[in-house]
């Protein structure tokens, strides 16, 4: 669950992606996450491991958006991990 933290210059959210696959100890789930502000890098997650970061919506920014690509065996999937519009903006 995402919990916002209000700052004097915007909002922060703690984001966490957890590998809940069962019995995948031989092959980790590989995840790589990015945002328009920069690359968060990649991780190899074993069962129960997580990848976490703080998403920030600065006062002068209208949105925070993070996408991730996961790879496990021959499967690959890109997904929107976090997206939040600043209050008052319409998209």
PDB file of N, CA and C in Angstrom:
ATOM      1  N   UNK A   1       0.838  -1.176   0.000  1.00  0.00           N
ATOM      2  CA  UNK A   1       0.000   0.000   0.000  1.00  0.00           C
ATOM      3  C   UNK A   1       0.884   1.240   0.000  1.00  0.00           C
ATOM      4  N   UNK A   2       0.517   2.211  -0.803  1.00  0.00           N
ATOM      5  CA  UNK A   2       1.298   3.433  -0.908  1.00  0.00           C
ATOM      6  C   UNK A   2       0.865   4.414   0.170  1.00  0.00           C
ATOM      7  N   UNK A   3       1.819   4.960   0.872  1.00  0.00           N
ATOM      8  CA  UNK A   3       1.546   5.911   1.935  1.00  0.00           C
ATOM      9  C   UNK A   3       2.189   7.250   1.578  1.00  0.00           C
ATOM     10  N   UNK A   4       1.361   8.307   1.352  1.00  0.00           N
ATOM     11  CA  UNK A   4       1.961   9.600   1.024  1.00  0.00           C
ATOM     12  C   UNK A   4       2.538  10.283   2.257  1.00  0.00           C
ATOM     13  N   UNK A   5       3.603  11.011   2.060  1.00  0.00           N
ATOM     14  CA  UNK A   5       4.216  11.840   3.085  1.00  0.00           C
ATOM     15  C   UNK A   5       4.221  13.252   2.519  1.00  0.00           C
ATOM     16  N   UNK A   6       3.571  14.168   3.177  1.00  0.00           N
ATOM     17  CA  UNK A   6       3.503  15.534   2.684  1.00  0.00           C
ATOM     18  C   UNK A   6       4.754  16.300   3.104  1.00  0.00           C
ATOM     19  N   UNK A   7       5.375  16.920   2.142  1.00  0.00           N
ATOM     20  CA  UNK A   7       6.552  17.756   2.369  1.00  0.00           C
ATOM     21  C   UNK A   7       6.161  19.205   2.140  1.00  0.00           C
ATOM     22  N   UNK A   8       6.980  20.108   2.565  1.00  0.00           N
ATOM     23  CA  UNK A   8       6.684  21.520   2.329  1.00  0.00           C
ATOM     24  C   UNK A   8       6.763  21.850   0.838  1.00  0.00           C
ATOM     25  N   UNK A   9       7.471  21.057   0.065  1.00  0.00           N
ATOM     26  CA  UNK A   9       7.624  21.319  -1.368  1.00  0.00           C
ATOM     27  C   UNK A   9       7.072  20.198  -2.235  1.00  0.00           C
ATOM     28  N   UNK A  10       6.114  19.412  -1.745  1.00  0.00           N
ATOM     29  CA  UNK A  10       5.535  18.353  -2.549  1.00  0.00           C
ATOM     30  C   UNK A  10       5.137  17.157  -1.709  1.00  0.00           C
ATOM     31  N   UNK A  11       5.064  15.986  -2.358  1.00  0.00           N
ATOM     32  CA  UNK A  11       4.679  14.745  -1.687  1.00  0.00           C
ATOM     33  C   UNK A  11       5.697  13.649  -1.979  1.00  0.00           C
ATOM     34  N   UNK A  12       5.807  12.695  -1.052  1.00  0.00           N
ATOM     35  CA  UNK A  12       6.647  11.512  -1.231  1.00  0.00           C
ATOM     36  C   UNK A  12       5.790  10.271  -1.014  1.00  0.00           C
ATOM     37  N   UNK A  13       6.087   9.221  -1.783  1.00  0.00           N
ATOM     38  CA  UNK A  13       5.418   7.928  -1.636  1.00  0.00           C
ATOM     39  C   UNK A  13       6.482   6.841  -1.564  1.00  0.00           C
ATOM     40  N   UNK A  14       6.326   5.908  -0.661  1.00  0.00           N
ATOM     41  CA  UNK A  14       7.199   4.740  -0.591  1.00  0.00           C
ATOM     42  C   UNK A  14       6.617   3.683  -1.518  1.00  0.00           C
ATOM     43  N   UNK A  15       7.408   3.262  -2.525  1.00  0.00           N
ATOM     44  CA  UNK A  15       6.972   2.280  -3.515  1.00  0.00           C
ATOM     45  C   UNK A  15       7.770   1.003  -3.298  1.00  0.00           C
ATOM     46  N   UNK A  16       7.087  -0.138  -3.378  1.00  0.00           N
ATOM     47  CA  UNK A  16       7.752  -1.420  -3.136  1.00  0.00           C
ATOM     48  C   UNK A  16       7.211  -2.470  -4.095  1.00  0.00           C
ATOM     49  N   UNK A  17       8.109  -3.114  -4.847  1.00  0.00           N
ATOM     50  CA  UNK A  17       7.754  -4.217  -5.739  1.00  0.00           C
ATOM     51  C   UNK A  17       8.336  -5.483  -5.122  1.00  0.00           C
ATOM     52  N   UNK A  18       7.481  -6.487  -4.867  1.00  0.00           N
ATOM     53  CA  UNK A  18       7.887  -7.708  -4.162  1.00  0.00           C
ATOM     54  C   UNK A  18       7.796  -8.903  -5.103  1.00  0.00           C
ATOM     55  N   UNK A  19       8.819  -9.763  -5.086  1.00  0.00           N
ATOM     56  CA  UNK A  19       8.778 -11.015  -5.832  1.00  0.00           C
ATOM     57  C   UNK A  19       8.005 -12.041  -4.999  1.00  0.00           C
ATOM     58  N   UNK A  20       6.779 -12.321  -5.418  1.00  0.00           N
ATOM     59  CA  UNK A  20       5.932 -13.294  -4.710  1.00  0.00           C
ATOM     60  C   UNK A  20       5.861 -14.632  -5.432  1.00  0.00           C
ATOM     61  N   UNK A  21       6.700 -14.814  -6.449  1.00  0.00           N
ATOM     62  CA  UNK A  21       6.718 -16.111  -7.130  1.00  0.00           C
ATOM     63  C   UNK A  21       7.160 -17.189  -6.162  1.00  0.00           C
ATOM     64  N   UNK A  22       6.611 -18.365  -6.280  1.00  0.00           N
ATOM     65  CA  UNK A  22       6.981 -19.501  -5.429  1.00  0.00           C
ATOM     66  C   UNK A  22       7.970 -20.399  -6.171  1.00  0.00           C
ATOM     67  N   UNK A  23       8.880 -20.967  -5.436  1.00  0.00           N
ATOM     68  CA  UNK A  23       9.834 -21.952  -5.963  1.00  0.00           C
ATOM     69  C   UNK A  23      10.609 -21.461  -7.187  1.00  0.00           C
ATOM     70  N   UNK A  24      11.099 -20.237  -7.137  1.00  0.00           N
ATOM     71  CA  UNK A  24      11.914 -19.750  -8.252  1.00  0.00           C
ATOM     72  C   UNK A  24      13.355 -19.503  -7.811  1.00  0.00           C
ATOM     73  N   UNK A  25      13.829 -20.290  -6.885  1.00  0.00           N
ATOM     74  CA  UNK A  25      15.165 -20.061  -6.333  1.00  0.00           C
ATOM     75  C   UNK A  25      16.277 -20.262  -7.364  1.00  0.00           C
ATOM     76  N   UNK A  26      16.028 -21.066  -8.400  1.00  0.00           N
ATOM     77  CA  UNK A  26      17.085 -21.287  -9.386  1.00  0.00           C
ATOM     78  C   UNK A  26      17.237 -20.099 -10.336  1.00  0.00           C
ATOM     79  N   UNK A  27      16.133 -19.413 -10.639  1.00  0.00           N
ATOM     80  CA  UNK A  27      16.183 -18.246 -11.520  1.00  0.00           C
ATOM     81  C   UNK A  27      15.524 -17.064 -10.827  1.00  0.00           C
ATOM     82  N   UNK A  28      16.267 -16.004 -10.570  1.00  0.00           N
ATOM     83  CA  UNK A  28      15.653 -14.838  -9.926  1.00  0.00           C
ATOM     84  C   UNK A  28      14.768 -14.073 -10.905  1.00  0.00           C
ATOM     85  N   UNK A  29      13.886 -13.282 -10.365  1.00  0.00           N
ATOM     86  CA  UNK A  29      13.095 -12.340 -11.149  1.00  0.00           C
ATOM     87  C   UNK A  29      13.967 -11.094 -11.318  1.00  0.00           C
ATOM     88  N   UNK A  30      14.245 -10.734 -12.551  1.00  0.00           N
ATOM     89  CA  UNK A  30      15.082  -9.563 -12.824  1.00  0.00           C
ATOM     90  C   UNK A  30      14.145  -8.396 -13.115  1.00  0.00           C
ATOM     91  N   UNK A  31      14.369  -7.278 -12.430  1.00  0.00           N
ATOM     92  CA  UNK A  31      13.515  -6.105 -12.600  1.00  0.00           C
ATOM     93  C   UNK A  31      14.381  -4.876 -12.799  1.00  0.00           C
ATOM     94  N   UNK A  32      13.939  -3.991 -13.706  1.00  0.00           N
ATOM     95  CA  UNK A  32      14.648  -2.757 -14.009  1.00  0.00           C
ATOM     96  C   UNK A  32      13.609  -1.647 -14.061  1.00  0.00           C
ATOM     97  N   UNK A  33      13.805  -0.568 -13.303  1.00  0.00           N
ATOM     98  CA  UNK A  33      12.814   0.501 -13.219  1.00  0.00           C
ATOM     99  C   UNK A  33      13.412   1.850 -13.611  1.00  0.00           C
ATOM    100  N   UNK A  34      12.577   2.664 -14.263  1.00  0.00           N
ATOM    101  CA  UNK A  34      12.993   3.987 -14.715  1.00  0.00           C
ATOM    102  C   UNK A  34      11.857   4.995 -14.517  1.00  0.00           C
ATOM    103  N   UNK A  35      12.225   6.246 -14.589  1.00  0.00           N
ATOM    104  CA  UNK A  35      11.263   7.342 -14.603  1.00  0.00           C
ATOM    105  C   UNK A  35      11.799   8.391 -15.563  1.00  0.00           C
ATOM    106  N   UNK A  36      10.969   9.366 -15.939  1.00  0.00           N
ATOM    107  CA  UNK A  36      11.500  10.437 -16.789  1.00  0.00           C
ATOM    108  C   UNK A  36      12.640  11.206 -16.124  1.00  0.00           C
ATOM    109  N   UNK A  37      12.716  11.169 -14.797  1.00  0.00           N
ATOM    110  CA  UNK A  37      13.773  11.866 -14.074  1.00  0.00           C
ATOM    111  C   UNK A  37      15.074  11.066 -13.993  1.00  0.00           C
ATOM    112  N   UNK A  38      15.032   9.764 -14.278  1.00  0.00           N
ATOM    113  CA  UNK A  38      16.259   8.980 -14.229  1.00  0.00           C
ATOM    114  C   UNK A  38      16.024   7.493 -14.095  1.00  0.00           C
ATOM    115  N   UNK A  39      17.103   6.774 -14.144  1.00  0.00           N
ATOM    116  CA  UNK A  39      17.109   5.315 -14.092  1.00  0.00           C
ATOM    117  C   UNK A  39      17.332   4.868 -12.653  1.00  0.00           C
ATOM    118  N   UNK A  40      16.442   4.013 -12.143  1.00  0.00           N
ATOM    119  CA  UNK A  40      16.601   3.486 -10.787  1.00  0.00           C
ATOM    120  C   UNK A  40      17.514   2.271 -10.742  1.00  0.00           C
ATOM    121  N   UNK A  41      17.822   1.712 -11.910  1.00  0.00           N
ATOM    122  CA  UNK A  41      18.690   0.543 -11.958  1.00  0.00           C
ATOM    123  C   UNK A  41      17.914  -0.749 -11.917  1.00  0.00           C
ATOM    124  N   UNK A  42      18.648  -1.836 -11.846  1.00  0.00           N
ATOM    125  CA  UNK A  42      18.045  -3.160 -11.873  1.00  0.00           C
ATOM    126  C   UNK A  42      18.393  -3.973 -10.646  1.00  0.00           C
ATOM    127  N   UNK A  43      17.609  -4.996 -10.406  1.00  0.00           N
ATOM    128  CA  UNK A  43      17.817  -5.915  -9.283  1.00  0.00           C
ATOM    129  C   UNK A  43      17.463  -7.324  -9.731  1.00  0.00           C
ATOM    130  N   UNK A  44      18.103  -8.305  -9.116  1.00  0.00           N
ATOM    131  CA  UNK A  44      17.746  -9.716  -9.291  1.00  0.00           C
ATOM    132  C   UNK A  44      17.102 -10.150  -7.977  1.00  0.00           C
ATOM    133  N   UNK A  45      15.800 -10.408  -8.015  1.00  0.00           N
ATOM    134  CA  UNK A  45      15.042 -10.696  -6.806  1.00  0.00           C
ATOM    135  C   UNK A  45      14.757 -12.184  -6.654  1.00  0.00           C
ATOM    136  N   UNK A  46      15.185 -12.749  -5.550  1.00  0.00           N
ATOM    137  CA  UNK A  46      14.801 -14.116  -5.201  1.00  0.00           C
ATOM    138  C   UNK A  46      13.413 -14.060  -4.552  1.00  0.00           C
ATOM    139  N   UNK A  47      12.820 -15.208  -4.297  1.00  0.00           N
ATOM    140  CA  UNK A  47      11.496 -15.274  -3.680  1.00  0.00           C
ATOM    141  C   UNK A  47      11.463 -14.471  -2.375  1.00  0.00           C
ATOM    142  N   UNK A  48      10.496 -13.540  -2.264  1.00  0.00           N
ATOM    143  CA  UNK A  48      10.349 -12.722  -1.070  1.00  0.00           C
ATOM    144  C   UNK A  48      11.170 -11.440  -1.054  1.00  0.00           C
ATOM    145  N   UNK A  49      12.143 -11.304  -1.977  1.00  0.00           N
ATOM    146  CA  UNK A  49      12.939 -10.076  -2.048  1.00  0.00           C
ATOM    147  C   UNK A  49      12.094  -8.933  -2.603  1.00  0.00           C
ATOM    148  N   UNK A  50      12.539  -7.705  -2.338  1.00  0.00           N
ATOM    149  CA  UNK A  50      11.811  -6.555  -2.852  1.00  0.00           C
ATOM    150  C   UNK A  50      12.762  -5.510  -3.429  1.00  0.00           C
ATOM    151  N   UNK A  51      12.176  -4.615  -4.199  1.00  0.00           N
ATOM    152  CA  UNK A  51      12.860  -3.464  -4.778  1.00  0.00           C
ATOM    153  C   UNK A  51      12.024  -2.265  -4.343  1.00  0.00           C
ATOM    154  N   UNK A  52      12.630  -1.353  -3.596  1.00  0.00           N
ATOM    155  CA  UNK A  52      11.858  -0.221  -3.084  1.00  0.00           C
ATOM    156  C   UNK A  52      12.572   1.095  -3.343  1.00  0.00           C
ATOM    157  N   UNK A  53      11.755   2.136  -3.454  1.00  0.00           N
ATOM    158  CA  UNK A  53      12.284   3.478  -3.648  1.00  0.00           C
ATOM    159  C   UNK A  53      11.231   4.479  -3.183  1.00  0.00           C
ATOM    160  N   UNK A  54      11.639   5.743  -3.124  1.00  0.00           N
ATOM    161  CA  UNK A  54      10.739   6.825  -2.751  1.00  0.00           C
ATOM    162  C   UNK A  54      10.408   7.625  -4.000  1.00  0.00           C
ATOM    163  N   UNK A  55       9.110   7.698  -4.326  1.00  0.00           N
ATOM    164  CA  UNK A  55       8.635   8.497  -5.456  1.00  0.00           C
ATOM    165  C   UNK A  55       8.322   9.889  -4.933  1.00  0.00           C
ATOM    166  N   UNK A  56       8.839  10.897  -5.602  1.00  0.00           N
ATOM    167  CA  UNK A  56       8.627  12.275  -5.173  1.00  0.00           C
ATOM    168  C   UNK A  56       7.889  13.076  -6.234  1.00  0.00           C
ATOM    169  N   UNK A  57       6.900  13.833  -5.788  1.00  0.00           N
ATOM    170  CA  UNK A  57       6.244  14.797  -6.658  1.00  0.00           C
ATOM    171  C   UNK A  57       6.601  16.167  -6.097  1.00  0.00           C
ATOM    172  N   UNK A  58       7.518  16.825  -6.764  1.00  0.00           N
ATOM    173  CA  UNK A  58       7.969  18.138  -6.309  1.00  0.00           C
ATOM    174  C   UNK A  58       6.877  19.172  -6.563  1.00  0.00           C
ATOM    175  N   UNK A  59       6.922  20.253  -5.850  1.00  0.00           N
ATOM    176  CA  UNK A  59       5.926  21.311  -5.962  1.00  0.00           C
ATOM    177  C   UNK A  59       5.795  21.809  -7.398  1.00  0.00           C
ATOM    178  N   UNK A  60       6.918  21.949  -8.118  1.00  0.00           N
ATOM    179  CA  UNK A  60       6.920  22.478  -9.473  1.00  0.00           C
ATOM    180  C   UNK A  60       6.675  21.406 -10.539  1.00  0.00           C
ATOM    181  N   UNK A  61       6.515  20.163 -10.130  1.00  0.00           N
ATOM    182  CA  UNK A  61       6.256  19.064 -11.059  1.00  0.00           C
ATOM    183  C   UNK A  61       4.784  18.700 -11.016  1.00  0.00           C
ATOM    184  N   UNK A  62       4.225  18.237 -12.125  1.00  0.00           N
ATOM    185  CA  UNK A  62       2.799  17.913 -12.137  1.00  0.00           C
ATOM    186  C   UNK A  62       2.533  16.418 -11.991  1.00  0.00           C
ATOM    187  N   UNK A  63       3.606  15.574 -12.034  1.00  0.00           N
ATOM    188  CA  UNK A  63       3.362  14.142 -12.005  1.00  0.00           C
ATOM    189  C   UNK A  63       4.631  13.372 -11.629  1.00  0.00           C
ATOM    190  N   UNK A  64       4.432  12.204 -11.036  1.00  0.00           N
ATOM    191  CA  UNK A  64       5.521  11.241 -10.823  1.00  0.00           C
ATOM    192  C   UNK A  64       5.095   9.946 -11.507  1.00  0.00           C
ATOM    193  N   UNK A  65       5.999   9.366 -12.277  1.00  0.00           N
ATOM    194  CA  UNK A  65       5.671   8.146 -13.025  1.00  0.00           C
ATOM    195  C   UNK A  65       6.900   7.233 -13.074  1.00  0.00           C
ATOM    196  N   UNK A  66       6.698   5.964 -12.766  1.00  0.00           N
ATOM    197  CA  UNK A  66       7.768   4.968 -12.790  1.00  0.00           C
ATOM    198  C   UNK A  66       7.277   3.738 -13.538  1.00  0.00           C
ATOM    199  N   UNK A  67       8.070   3.264 -14.479  1.00  0.00           N
ATOM    200  CA  UNK A  67       7.763   2.023 -15.182  1.00  0.00           C
ATOM    201  C   UNK A  67       8.878   1.019 -14.919  1.00  0.00           C
ATOM    202  N   UNK A  68       8.501  -0.246 -14.903  1.00  0.00           N
ATOM    203  CA  UNK A  68       9.468  -1.318 -14.662  1.00  0.00           C
ATOM    204  C   UNK A  68       9.328  -2.384 -15.742  1.00  0.00           C
ATOM    205  N   UNK A  69      10.427  -3.042 -16.031  1.00  0.00           N
ATOM    206  CA  UNK A  69      10.427  -4.212 -16.901  1.00  0.00           C
ATOM    207  C   UNK A  69      10.912  -5.389 -16.069  1.00  0.00           C
ATOM    208  N   UNK A  70      10.122  -6.479 -16.089  1.00  0.00           N
ATOM    209  CA  UNK A  70      10.482  -7.703 -15.365  1.00  0.00           C
ATOM    210  C   UNK A  70      10.834  -8.786 -16.367  1.00  0.00           C
ATOM    211  N   UNK A  71      11.808  -9.613 -15.997  1.00  0.00           N
ATOM    212  CA  UNK A  71      12.186 -10.755 -16.835  1.00  0.00           C
ATOM    213  C   UNK A  71      12.344 -11.962 -15.934  1.00  0.00           C
ATOM    214  N   UNK A  72      11.705 -13.054 -16.340  1.00  0.00           N
ATOM    215  CA  UNK A  72      11.837 -14.324 -15.629  1.00  0.00           C
ATOM    216  C   UNK A  72      11.781 -15.430 -16.660  1.00  0.00           C
ATOM    217  N   UNK A  73      12.806 -16.250 -16.700  1.00  0.00           N
ATOM    218  CA  UNK A  73      12.996 -17.257 -17.741  1.00  0.00           C
ATOM    219  C   UNK A  73      12.908 -16.557 -19.088  1.00  0.00           C
ATOM    220  N   UNK A  74      12.011 -16.982 -19.986  1.00  0.00           N
ATOM    221  CA  UNK A  74      11.904 -16.351 -21.302  1.00  0.00           C
ATOM    222  C   UNK A  74      10.803 -15.299 -21.358  1.00  0.00           C
ATOM    223  N   UNK A  75      10.169 -15.045 -20.251  1.00  0.00           N
ATOM    224  CA  UNK A  75       9.067 -14.083 -20.204  1.00  0.00           C
ATOM    225  C   UNK A  75       9.584 -12.695 -19.832  1.00  0.00           C
ATOM    226  N   UNK A  76       8.994 -11.682 -20.482  1.00  0.00           N
ATOM    227  CA  UNK A  76       9.358 -10.296 -20.211  1.00  0.00           C
ATOM    228  C   UNK A  76       8.072  -9.467 -20.213  1.00  0.00           C
ATOM    229  N   UNK A  77       7.939  -8.584 -19.223  1.00  0.00           N
ATOM    230  CA  UNK A  77       6.728  -7.760 -19.107  1.00  0.00           C
ATOM    231  C   UNK A  77       7.096  -6.375 -18.599  1.00  0.00           C
ATOM    232  N   UNK A  78       6.574  -5.354 -19.269  1.00  0.00           N
ATOM    233  CA  UNK A  78       6.754  -3.970 -18.838  1.00  0.00           C
ATOM    234  C   UNK A  78       5.443  -3.522 -18.195  1.00  0.00           C
ATOM    235  N   UNK A  79       5.526  -2.774 -17.085  1.00  0.00           N
ATOM    236  CA  UNK A  79       4.313  -2.333 -16.403  1.00  0.00           C
ATOM    237  C   UNK A  79       4.544  -0.985 -15.726  1.00  0.00           C
ATOM    238  N   UNK A  80       3.443  -0.319 -15.446  1.00  0.00           N
ATOM    239  CA  UNK A  80       3.471   0.954 -14.735  1.00  0.00           C
ATOM    240  C   UNK A  80       3.492   0.639 -13.244  1.00  0.00           C
ATOM    241  N   UNK A  81       4.604   0.925 -12.580  1.00  0.00           N
ATOM    242  CA  UNK A  81       4.745   0.608 -11.161  1.00  0.00           C
ATOM    243  C   UNK A  81       4.136   1.683 -10.271  1.00  0.00           C
ATOM    244  N   UNK A  82       4.170   2.928 -10.736  1.00  0.00           N
ATOM    245  CA  UNK A  82       3.627   4.036  -9.936  1.00  0.00           C
ATOM    246  C   UNK A  82       3.327   5.200 -10.858  1.00  0.00           C
ATOM    247  N   UNK A  83       2.158   5.819 -10.647  1.00  0.00           N
ATOM    248  CA  UNK A  83       1.809   7.021 -11.397  1.00  0.00           C
ATOM    249  C   UNK A  83       0.860   7.840 -10.535  1.00  0.00           C
ATOM    250  N   UNK A  84       1.225   9.076 -10.307  1.00  0.00           N
ATOM    251  CA  UNK A  84       0.407   9.950  -9.461  1.00  0.00           C
ATOM    252  C   UNK A  84       0.486  11.359 -10.004  1.00  0.00           C
ATOM    253  N   UNK A  85      -0.694  11.957 -10.229  1.00  0.00           N
ATOM    254  CA  UNK A  85      -0.769  13.347 -10.655  1.00  0.00           C
ATOM    255  C   UNK A  85      -0.766  14.249  -9.432  1.00  0.00           C
ATOM    256  N   UNK A  86      -0.128  15.375  -9.562  1.00  0.00           N
ATOM    257  CA  UNK A  86      -0.149  16.375  -8.514  1.00  0.00           C
ATOM    258  C   UNK A  86      -1.575  16.895  -8.374  1.00  0.00           C
ATOM    259  N   UNK A  87      -2.007  17.156  -7.181  1.00  0.00           N
ATOM    260  CA  UNK A  87      -3.363  17.645  -6.924  1.00  0.00           C
ATOM    261  C   UNK A  87      -3.658  18.881  -7.762  1.00  0.00           C
ATOM    262  N   UNK A  88      -4.817  18.877  -8.414  1.00  0.00           N
ATOM    263  CA  UNK A  88      -5.232  20.032  -9.188  1.00  0.00           C
ATOM    264  C   UNK A  88      -4.896  19.942 -10.669  1.00  0.00           C
ATOM    265  N   UNK A  89      -4.062  18.963 -11.080  1.00  0.00           N
ATOM    266  CA  UNK A  89      -3.733  18.821 -12.487  1.00  0.00           C
ATOM    267  C   UNK A  89      -4.656  17.796 -13.129  1.00  0.00           C
ATOM    268  N   UNK A  90      -5.049  18.056 -14.354  1.00  0.00           N
ATOM    269  CA  UNK A  90      -5.908  17.135 -15.104  1.00  0.00           C
ATOM    270  C   UNK A  90      -5.126  16.661 -16.296  1.00  0.00           C
ATOM    271  N   UNK A  91      -5.194  15.368 -16.538  1.00  0.00           N
ATOM    272  CA  UNK A  91      -4.480  14.814 -17.690  1.00  0.00           C
ATOM    273  C   UNK A  91      -5.459  14.151 -18.603  1.00  0.00           C
TER     274      UNK A  91
END
